[in-house]
């Protein structure tokens, strides 16, 4: 099994390390458009060798698109075009993006659509680039496979084996539901963190005070604000409608807290906190 990974940042680089380490891939071929990142990935040893895009697609059995979703939407049809030119229906391409509806639409009527498996490993950190790659990043996390019925069954089984090698549990849903759920459990968290960081930076001009006074609670809440704008700008744009609905609900809850605090209504504040505490049943 030769695996080609296009984009050697946190996700692509970590996947490269573990797929080789755990025996799923005999060889990992890397593609990285950014010269500094390409040199770093090669020096660190994330892949067996670097290659150009056409060479990687031609030589790989399975190609991973680990690029921002804006780039993936343009690249996915091009990869399938190359599959068609080669006349090889055994090749597989997957993506690891955080939104799916736009990707699904971009190849809905492509003749090689069934060679594509939409996937989203729900793992990561706030860091980016090949230096952020780490073994074990995916251990114990969930991976979502979307629209499995649109792909060749053999391709889906191969991708399931890939994520089993990464020690992930697999969940199945359609692209539309995926984007709704990720808006609630992932995308709103990032928007909230970005907004909190902007609030603190706007009001607390003394960086030393921020550094000295920031406790564990603040640090953990604002951690996601360090995430890459290149990655998150297209995600928030492509999942706009779902995210706006979640943001409206979030603002309603913030207004409820504001009203109770403004009126000195401790009973209302306590009630809101107790209601929020129910999340303990789900997340420990």
Protein backbone atom coordinates (compact mmCIF):
# COMPACT_ATOMS: atom_id res chain seq x y z
CA UNK A 1 0.00 0.00 0.00
CA UNK A 2 1.40 3.33 -1.12
CA UNK A 3 -0.28 6.30 0.57
CA UNK A 4 0.10 9.80 -0.84
CA UNK A 5 -0.57 12.66 1.56
CA UNK A 6 -1.16 16.09 0.08
CA UNK A 7 -0.57 18.66 2.81
CA UNK A 8 1.86 17.85 5.62
CA UNK A 9 0.55 19.96 8.46
CA UNK A 10 -0.79 18.74 11.80
CA UNK A 11 -3.32 16.24 10.42
CA UNK A 12 -1.50 15.13 7.29
CA UNK A 13 1.84 14.89 9.05
CA UNK A 14 0.46 13.00 12.04
CA UNK A 15 -1.38 10.62 9.73
CA UNK A 16 1.82 10.03 7.75
CA UNK A 17 3.73 9.11 10.90
CA UNK A 18 1.16 6.67 12.27
CA UNK A 19 0.14 4.98 9.01
CA UNK A 20 3.75 3.98 8.46
CA UNK A 21 4.47 3.24 12.13
CA UNK A 22 1.42 1.00 12.47
CA UNK A 23 2.00 -0.90 9.26
CA UNK A 24 -0.94 0.30 7.18
CA UNK A 25 1.30 1.97 4.59
CA UNK A 26 4.40 0.39 3.08
CA UNK A 27 5.41 3.77 1.71
CA UNK A 28 4.18 7.30 2.36
CA UNK A 29 4.66 9.88 -0.40
CA UNK A 30 4.30 13.53 0.58
CA UNK A 31 3.21 16.60 -1.36
CA UNK A 32 3.61 20.06 0.16
CA UNK A 33 3.21 23.31 -1.78
CA UNK A 34 4.88 25.53 0.82
CA UNK A 35 8.67 25.18 0.33
CA UNK A 36 9.57 25.81 3.98
CA UNK A 37 7.03 23.24 5.16
CA UNK A 38 8.17 20.76 2.51
CA UNK A 39 11.79 21.07 3.64
CA UNK A 40 10.77 20.69 7.28
CA UNK A 41 8.60 17.62 6.60
CA UNK A 42 11.46 15.97 4.74
CA UNK A 43 14.00 16.85 7.43
CA UNK A 44 11.74 15.62 10.24
CA UNK A 45 11.11 12.40 8.33
CA UNK A 46 7.32 12.58 8.20
CA UNK A 47 7.27 10.79 4.84
CA UNK A 48 9.46 8.35 2.96
CA UNK A 49 9.89 10.82 0.10
CA UNK A 50 8.48 14.01 -1.34
CA UNK A 51 7.01 14.21 -4.85
CA UNK A 52 5.09 16.47 -7.17
CA UNK A 53 1.31 16.29 -7.24
CA UNK A 54 1.02 14.35 -10.52
CA UNK A 55 3.70 11.87 -9.49
CA UNK A 56 2.06 11.31 -6.11
CA UNK A 57 -1.36 10.68 -7.65
CA UNK A 58 0.11 8.39 -10.27
CA UNK A 59 2.08 6.24 -7.83
CA UNK A 60 -0.23 6.12 -4.80
CA UNK A 61 -2.97 3.59 -4.10
CA UNK A 62 -4.70 5.91 -1.64
CA UNK A 63 -4.45 9.72 -1.63
CA UNK A 64 -5.23 11.85 1.43
CA UNK A 65 -6.24 15.48 0.87
CA UNK A 66 -5.02 17.12 4.07
CA UNK A 67 -5.30 20.70 2.84
CA UNK A 68 -7.70 23.51 3.91
CA UNK A 69 -11.22 22.85 2.69
CA UNK A 70 -11.15 25.78 0.28
CA UNK A 71 -8.24 24.15 -1.54
CA UNK A 72 -9.74 20.66 -1.22
CA UNK A 73 -12.92 21.71 -3.06
CA UNK A 74 -10.79 22.67 -6.08
CA UNK A 75 -8.35 19.77 -5.79
CA UNK A 76 -10.76 16.85 -5.31
CA UNK A 77 -12.29 16.99 -8.83
CA UNK A 78 -8.77 17.33 -10.28
CA UNK A 79 -7.63 14.17 -8.49
CA UNK A 80 -10.66 12.26 -9.77
CA UNK A 81 -9.95 13.60 -13.28
CA UNK A 82 -6.48 12.06 -13.07
CA UNK A 83 -8.01 8.75 -11.94
CA UNK A 84 -10.19 8.83 -15.06
CA UNK A 85 -7.21 9.64 -17.31
CA UNK A 86 -5.26 6.71 -15.84
CA UNK A 87 -8.27 4.39 -16.20
CA UNK A 88 -7.56 3.01 -12.71
CA UNK A 89 -10.72 2.37 -10.69
CA UNK A 90 -8.76 0.84 -7.83
CA UNK A 91 -7.31 4.13 -6.59
CA UNK A 92 -8.96 5.89 -3.63
CA UNK A 93 -8.97 9.52 -2.53
CA UNK A 94 -10.14 10.75 0.87
CA UNK A 95 -10.27 14.15 2.51
CA UNK A 96 -9.94 15.02 6.20
CA UNK A 97 -11.81 18.34 6.13
CA UNK A 98 -14.14 19.78 8.75
CA UNK A 99 -16.98 20.59 6.33
CA UNK A 100 -18.46 18.22 3.77
CA UNK A 101 -21.46 19.62 1.83
CA UNK A 102 -19.40 21.77 -0.55
CA UNK A 103 -17.01 18.89 -1.20
CA UNK A 104 -19.89 16.52 -1.85
CA UNK A 105 -21.46 18.93 -4.33
CA UNK A 106 -18.15 19.49 -6.14
CA UNK A 107 -18.00 15.84 -7.28
CA UNK A 108 -21.63 14.72 -7.11
CA UNK A 109 -21.82 13.95 -10.83
CA UNK A 110 -18.17 13.09 -11.42
CA UNK A 111 -17.81 9.72 -13.21
CA UNK A 112 -15.15 8.63 -10.67
CA UNK A 113 -17.20 9.78 -7.62
CA UNK A 114 -17.28 6.27 -6.16
CA UNK A 115 -13.49 6.31 -5.74
CA UNK A 116 -13.85 9.16 -3.21
CA UNK A 117 -14.57 8.53 0.47
CA UNK A 118 -15.46 11.60 2.55
CA UNK A 119 -13.95 11.40 6.02
CA UNK A 120 -13.33 13.65 9.01
CA UNK A 121 -11.03 12.48 11.80
CA UNK A 122 -12.18 14.47 14.84
CA UNK A 123 -8.76 15.13 16.31
CA UNK A 124 -6.30 17.99 16.38
CA UNK A 125 -4.65 20.75 18.34
CA UNK A 126 -4.43 24.51 17.95
CA UNK A 127 -1.02 24.18 16.28
CA UNK A 128 -0.27 23.90 12.58
CA UNK A 129 2.54 23.02 10.19
CA UNK A 130 4.75 19.93 9.96
CA UNK A 131 6.35 20.76 13.31
CA UNK A 132 2.97 20.13 14.97
CA UNK A 133 2.69 16.54 13.69
CA UNK A 134 2.78 13.89 16.40
CA UNK A 135 2.30 10.14 16.78
CA UNK A 136 -0.87 9.02 18.55
CA UNK A 137 -2.83 12.18 17.71
CA UNK A 138 -5.88 10.17 16.60
CA UNK A 139 -5.91 7.51 19.34
CA UNK A 140 -9.38 7.00 20.82
CA UNK A 141 -11.06 9.78 18.83
CA UNK A 142 -14.02 9.53 16.47
CA UNK A 143 -13.81 9.57 12.69
CA UNK A 144 -16.87 10.42 10.61
CA UNK A 145 -17.34 8.80 7.22
CA UNK A 146 -19.94 10.65 5.15
CA UNK A 147 -22.15 9.45 2.31
CA UNK A 148 -20.61 5.97 2.39
CA UNK A 149 -23.27 4.67 0.01
CA UNK A 150 -21.90 7.00 -2.70
CA UNK A 151 -18.49 5.26 -2.62
CA UNK A 152 -17.35 1.82 -3.75
CA UNK A 153 -17.85 -0.65 -0.83
CA UNK A 154 -14.25 -1.84 -1.23
CA UNK A 155 -13.02 1.76 -1.00
CA UNK A 156 -15.03 2.31 2.18
CA UNK A 157 -13.62 -0.89 3.71
CA UNK A 158 -10.09 0.25 2.92
CA UNK A 159 -10.71 3.63 4.55
CA UNK A 160 -12.27 1.92 7.57
CA UNK A 161 -9.07 -0.13 7.86
CA UNK A 162 -7.02 3.06 7.66
CA UNK A 163 -8.85 4.61 10.60
CA UNK A 164 -8.76 1.35 12.54
CA UNK A 165 -4.96 1.47 12.16
CA UNK A 166 -5.10 4.98 13.64
CA UNK A 167 -7.09 3.59 16.59
CA UNK A 168 -10.19 5.62 15.81
CA UNK A 169 -13.86 4.69 16.17
CA UNK A 170 -15.98 5.23 13.07
CA UNK A 171 -19.32 7.05 12.84
CA UNK A 172 -21.45 7.25 9.68
CA UNK A 173 -23.69 10.12 8.58
CA UNK A 174 -24.54 12.16 5.52
CA UNK A 175 -22.70 15.34 4.59
CA UNK A 176 -25.53 17.66 5.58
CA UNK A 177 -25.88 16.20 9.08
CA UNK A 178 -22.11 16.21 9.48
CA UNK A 179 -21.94 19.95 8.88
CA UNK A 180 -24.78 20.65 11.33
CA UNK A 181 -23.15 18.61 14.08
CA UNK A 182 -19.66 20.05 13.57
CA UNK A 183 -21.12 23.56 13.74
CA UNK A 184 -22.33 22.75 17.26
CA UNK A 185 -19.42 20.73 18.65
CA UNK A 186 -16.44 22.28 16.88
CA UNK A 187 -16.96 25.43 14.85
CA UNK A 188 -18.80 27.48 17.51
CA UNK A 189 -16.01 26.64 19.96
CA UNK A 190 -13.48 28.23 17.66
CA UNK A 191 -15.59 31.33 17.00
CA UNK A 192 -16.11 31.75 20.75
CA UNK A 193 -12.39 31.41 21.39
CA UNK A 194 -11.51 33.91 18.65
CA UNK A 195 -14.04 36.39 20.06
CA UNK A 196 -12.77 35.97 23.63
CA UNK A 197 -9.18 36.53 22.51
CA UNK A 198 -10.22 39.69 20.66
CA UNK A 199 -12.13 40.90 23.73
CA UNK A 200 -9.17 40.44 26.04
CA UNK A 201 -6.67 41.92 23.59
CA UNK A 202 -8.95 44.92 23.08
CA UNK A 203 -9.48 45.67 26.78
CA UNK A 204 -6.21 44.51 28.32
CA UNK A 205 -3.46 46.41 26.54
CA UNK A 206 -0.75 45.30 28.95
CA UNK A 207 0.36 41.91 27.62
CA UNK A 208 2.29 41.21 30.81
CA UNK A 209 -0.93 41.41 32.82
CA UNK A 210 -2.60 38.92 30.49
CA UNK A 211 0.34 36.55 30.83
CA UNK A 212 0.62 36.92 34.62
CA UNK A 213 -3.07 36.74 35.43
CA UNK A 214 -4.35 34.22 32.90
CA UNK A 215 -5.39 31.11 34.82
CA UNK A 216 -5.94 27.59 33.56
CA UNK A 217 -9.59 28.33 32.80
CA UNK A 218 -8.78 31.27 30.55
CA UNK A 219 -5.91 29.45 28.86
CA UNK A 220 -8.02 26.39 28.05
CA UNK A 221 -10.93 28.51 26.78
CA UNK A 222 -8.83 30.75 24.55
CA UNK A 223 -6.46 28.00 23.39
CA UNK A 224 -8.31 27.56 20.09
CA UNK A 225 -7.73 31.22 19.21
CA UNK A 226 -4.22 30.18 18.19
CA UNK A 227 -5.67 28.10 15.33
CA UNK A 228 -4.63 28.83 11.74
CA UNK A 229 -6.68 31.46 9.84
CA UNK A 230 -5.80 29.68 6.58
CA UNK A 231 -7.63 26.61 7.85
CA UNK A 232 -10.54 28.21 9.68
CA UNK A 233 -11.58 31.02 7.33
CA UNK A 234 -12.89 28.63 4.62
CA UNK A 235 -14.46 26.33 7.23
CA UNK A 236 -16.51 29.14 8.76
CA UNK A 237 -17.42 30.44 5.31
CA UNK A 238 -18.53 27.08 3.92
CA UNK A 239 -20.58 26.19 7.00
CA UNK A 240 -22.08 29.67 7.24
CA UNK A 241 -25.78 28.84 7.48
CA UNK A 242 -25.40 26.17 10.15
CA UNK A 243 -22.92 28.27 12.10
CA UNK A 244 -25.11 31.38 12.06
CA UNK A 245 -27.96 29.37 13.60
CA UNK A 246 -25.66 28.09 16.35
CA UNK A 247 -24.26 31.58 16.95
CA UNK A 248 -27.78 32.99 17.34
CA UNK A 249 -28.55 30.36 19.97
CA UNK A 250 -25.23 31.06 21.71
CA UNK A 251 -25.97 34.81 21.77
CA UNK A 252 -29.40 34.09 23.32
CA UNK A 253 -27.70 32.18 26.13
CA UNK A 254 -25.17 34.98 26.63
CA UNK A 255 -28.04 37.47 26.80
CA UNK A 256 -29.75 35.34 29.44
CA UNK A 257 -26.59 35.41 31.55
CA UNK A 258 -26.19 39.15 30.96
CA UNK A 259 -29.77 39.87 32.02
CA UNK A 260 -29.52 37.78 35.19
CA UNK A 261 -26.18 39.33 36.17
CA UNK A 262 -27.35 42.86 35.33
CA UNK A 263 -30.45 42.44 37.52
CA UNK A 264 -28.49 40.84 40.36
CA UNK A 265 -30.71 37.78 40.06
CA UNK A 266 -28.51 35.16 41.70
CA UNK A 267 -31.25 32.53 41.50
CA UNK A 268 -31.41 32.95 37.72
CA UNK A 269 -27.60 32.80 37.44
CA UNK A 270 -27.53 29.66 39.55
CA UNK A 271 -30.29 28.09 37.46
CA UNK A 272 -28.41 28.75 34.23
CA UNK A 273 -25.21 27.25 35.65
CA UNK A 274 -27.04 24.19 36.97
CA UNK A 275 -28.65 23.69 33.56
CA UNK A 276 -25.23 23.94 31.94
CA UNK A 277 -23.82 21.43 34.44
CA UNK A 278 -25.90 18.72 32.75
CA UNK A 279 -23.11 18.51 30.18
CA UNK A 280 -21.29 16.43 32.82
CA UNK A 281 -23.47 13.48 31.85
CA UNK A 282 -22.03 13.60 28.35
CA UNK A 283 -18.47 14.91 28.74
CA UNK A 284 -16.39 13.82 31.68
